[in-house]
Amino acid sequence: MFDKSREHLANERTFLSWIRTSIALMGFGFVIVRFGLFLKQITLLFKTADYPSQSHSSVVGVVMVAIGILLALMAFVQYRKHEAQLRDNSFYPSTILLFFTTLVLIVGGVLLIFYLLSTI
């Protein structure tokens, strides 16, 4: 009985780690949107023309929140699948969540590099 409980608890810890990552992405996206609005308000307050009228921070922030929601959903699906496999004594690892997270990080990093290079 305790052998199985160890695997189930490990599955729950993994799920909670993915949820923590998802919450961090959503929180960071929220901060990006709010900081963009703050910069816009400061620009209007001091009447400086340094802040561009077309800011991409809102779009980036909303996309990060959406990715966080999608990551939480995928983590739940993976958790339920692994839970059923552990009950049936047939565990088959899946890589779709890892592939999705890696792909999003690579694409986001490349886009960030291009954005930063364009502002230099």
Protein backbone atom coordinates (compact mmCIF):
# COMPACT_ATOMS: atom_id res chain seq x y z
CA MET A 1 0.00 0.00 0.00
CA PHE A 2 2.79 2.43 0.87
CA ASP A 3 4.61 1.66 -2.39
CA LYS A 4 1.69 3.01 -4.39
CA SER A 5 1.15 6.00 -2.15
CA ARG A 6 4.69 7.15 -2.88
CA GLU A 7 4.00 7.25 -6.62
CA HIS A 8 0.66 8.99 -6.19
CA LEU A 9 2.20 11.62 -3.93
CA ALA A 10 5.01 12.17 -6.45
CA ASN A 11 2.38 12.65 -9.15
CA GLU A 12 0.62 15.24 -6.98
CA ARG A 13 3.90 17.07 -6.28
CA THR A 14 4.62 17.21 -10.01
CA PHE A 15 1.13 18.55 -10.68
CA LEU A 16 1.54 21.21 -8.01
CA SER A 17 4.89 22.23 -9.51
CA TRP A 18 3.24 22.76 -12.89
CA ILE A 19 0.45 24.74 -11.21
CA ARG A 20 3.03 26.90 -9.43
CA THR A 21 4.72 27.57 -12.77
CA SER A 22 1.35 28.43 -14.30
CA ILE A 23 0.54 30.87 -11.51
CA ALA A 24 3.96 32.50 -11.91
CA LEU A 25 3.37 32.98 -15.65
CA MET A 26 -0.06 34.48 -15.07
CA GLY A 27 1.25 36.77 -12.33
CA PHE A 28 4.17 37.92 -14.45
CA GLY A 29 1.81 38.60 -17.37
CA PHE A 30 -0.39 40.69 -15.08
CA VAL A 31 2.62 42.68 -13.88
CA ILE A 32 3.71 43.34 -17.48
CA VAL A 33 0.27 44.70 -18.41
CA ARG A 34 0.07 46.87 -15.30
CA PHE A 35 3.60 48.21 -15.80
CA GLY A 36 2.75 49.15 -19.39
CA LEU A 37 -0.27 51.07 -18.14
CA PHE A 38 1.88 52.72 -15.46
CA LEU A 39 4.40 53.87 -18.07
CA LYS A 40 1.59 55.24 -20.21
CA GLN A 41 0.17 57.21 -17.25
CA ILE A 42 3.61 58.59 -16.32
CA THR A 43 4.13 59.70 -19.92
CA LEU A 44 0.80 61.52 -19.92
CA LEU A 45 1.51 63.06 -16.53
CA PHE A 46 4.89 64.49 -17.50
CA LYS A 47 3.87 65.08 -21.11
CA THR A 48 6.96 63.42 -22.54
CA ALA A 49 7.00 61.93 -26.00
CA ASP A 50 9.55 59.23 -25.12
CA TYR A 51 6.96 56.50 -24.62
CA PRO A 52 5.79 55.01 -27.91
CA SER A 53 2.10 55.27 -28.65
CA GLN A 54 1.99 51.62 -29.74
CA SER A 55 3.02 49.54 -26.72
CA HIS A 56 3.25 45.77 -26.98
CA SER A 57 3.35 45.16 -23.24
CA SER A 58 -0.40 44.63 -23.01
CA VAL A 59 -0.34 41.99 -25.73
CA VAL A 60 2.68 40.24 -24.19
CA GLY A 61 1.06 40.26 -20.76
CA VAL A 62 -2.25 38.86 -21.99
CA VAL A 63 -0.44 36.16 -23.98
CA MET A 64 1.52 35.16 -20.87
CA VAL A 65 -1.69 34.89 -18.84
CA ALA A 66 -3.24 32.76 -21.61
CA ILE A 67 -0.17 30.51 -21.69
CA GLY A 68 -0.39 30.15 -17.91
CA ILE A 69 -4.03 29.08 -18.17
CA LEU A 70 -3.23 26.60 -20.94
CA LEU A 71 -0.32 25.22 -18.92
CA ALA A 72 -2.58 24.68 -15.89
CA LEU A 73 -5.12 22.86 -18.05
CA MET A 74 -2.46 20.65 -19.62
CA ALA A 75 -0.99 19.91 -16.18
CA PHE A 76 -4.39 18.77 -14.92
CA VAL A 77 -4.92 16.51 -17.93
CA GLN A 78 -1.46 14.99 -17.46
CA TYR A 79 -2.07 14.50 -13.73
CA ARG A 80 -5.35 12.67 -14.34
CA LYS A 81 -3.77 10.50 -17.04
CA HIS A 82 -0.84 9.52 -14.83
CA GLU A 83 -3.18 8.87 -11.90
CA ALA A 84 -5.20 6.43 -14.00
CA GLN A 85 -2.02 4.76 -15.26
CA LEU A 86 -0.70 4.35 -11.72
CA ARG A 87 -3.97 2.72 -10.66
CA ASP A 88 -3.72 0.30 -13.59
CA ASN A 89 -0.02 -0.46 -13.02
CA SER A 90 0.75 0.68 -16.55
CA PHE A 91 2.74 3.87 -16.69
CA TYR A 92 3.55 5.39 -20.07
CA PRO A 93 5.35 8.72 -19.87
CA SER A 94 4.03 11.49 -22.05
CA THR A 95 6.07 14.37 -23.35
CA ILE A 96 3.37 16.70 -24.69
CA LEU A 97 3.45 19.04 -21.66
CA LEU A 98 7.24 19.20 -21.72
CA PHE A 99 7.23 19.74 -25.48
CA PHE A 100 4.64 22.53 -25.22
CA THR A 101 6.51 24.32 -22.43
CA THR A 102 9.85 24.02 -24.22
CA LEU A 103 8.37 25.23 -27.51
CA VAL A 104 6.72 28.25 -25.86
CA LEU A 105 9.96 29.17 -24.08
CA ILE A 106 12.04 28.87 -27.26
CA VAL A 107 9.60 30.86 -29.40
CA GLY A 108 9.17 33.47 -26.66
CA GLY A 109 12.93 33.76 -26.21
CA VAL A 110 13.56 34.19 -29.94
CA LEU A 111 10.83 36.82 -30.20
CA LEU A 112 12.28 38.61 -27.19
CA ILE A 113 15.73 38.63 -28.79
CA PHE A 114 14.33 40.13 -32.00
CA TYR A 115 12.39 42.73 -30.03
CA LEU A 116 15.43 43.70 -27.96
CA LEU A 117 17.63 43.90 -31.05
CA SER A 118 15.11 46.19 -32.74
CA THR A 119 15.18 48.62 -29.80
CA ILE A 120 18.98 48.99 -29.76
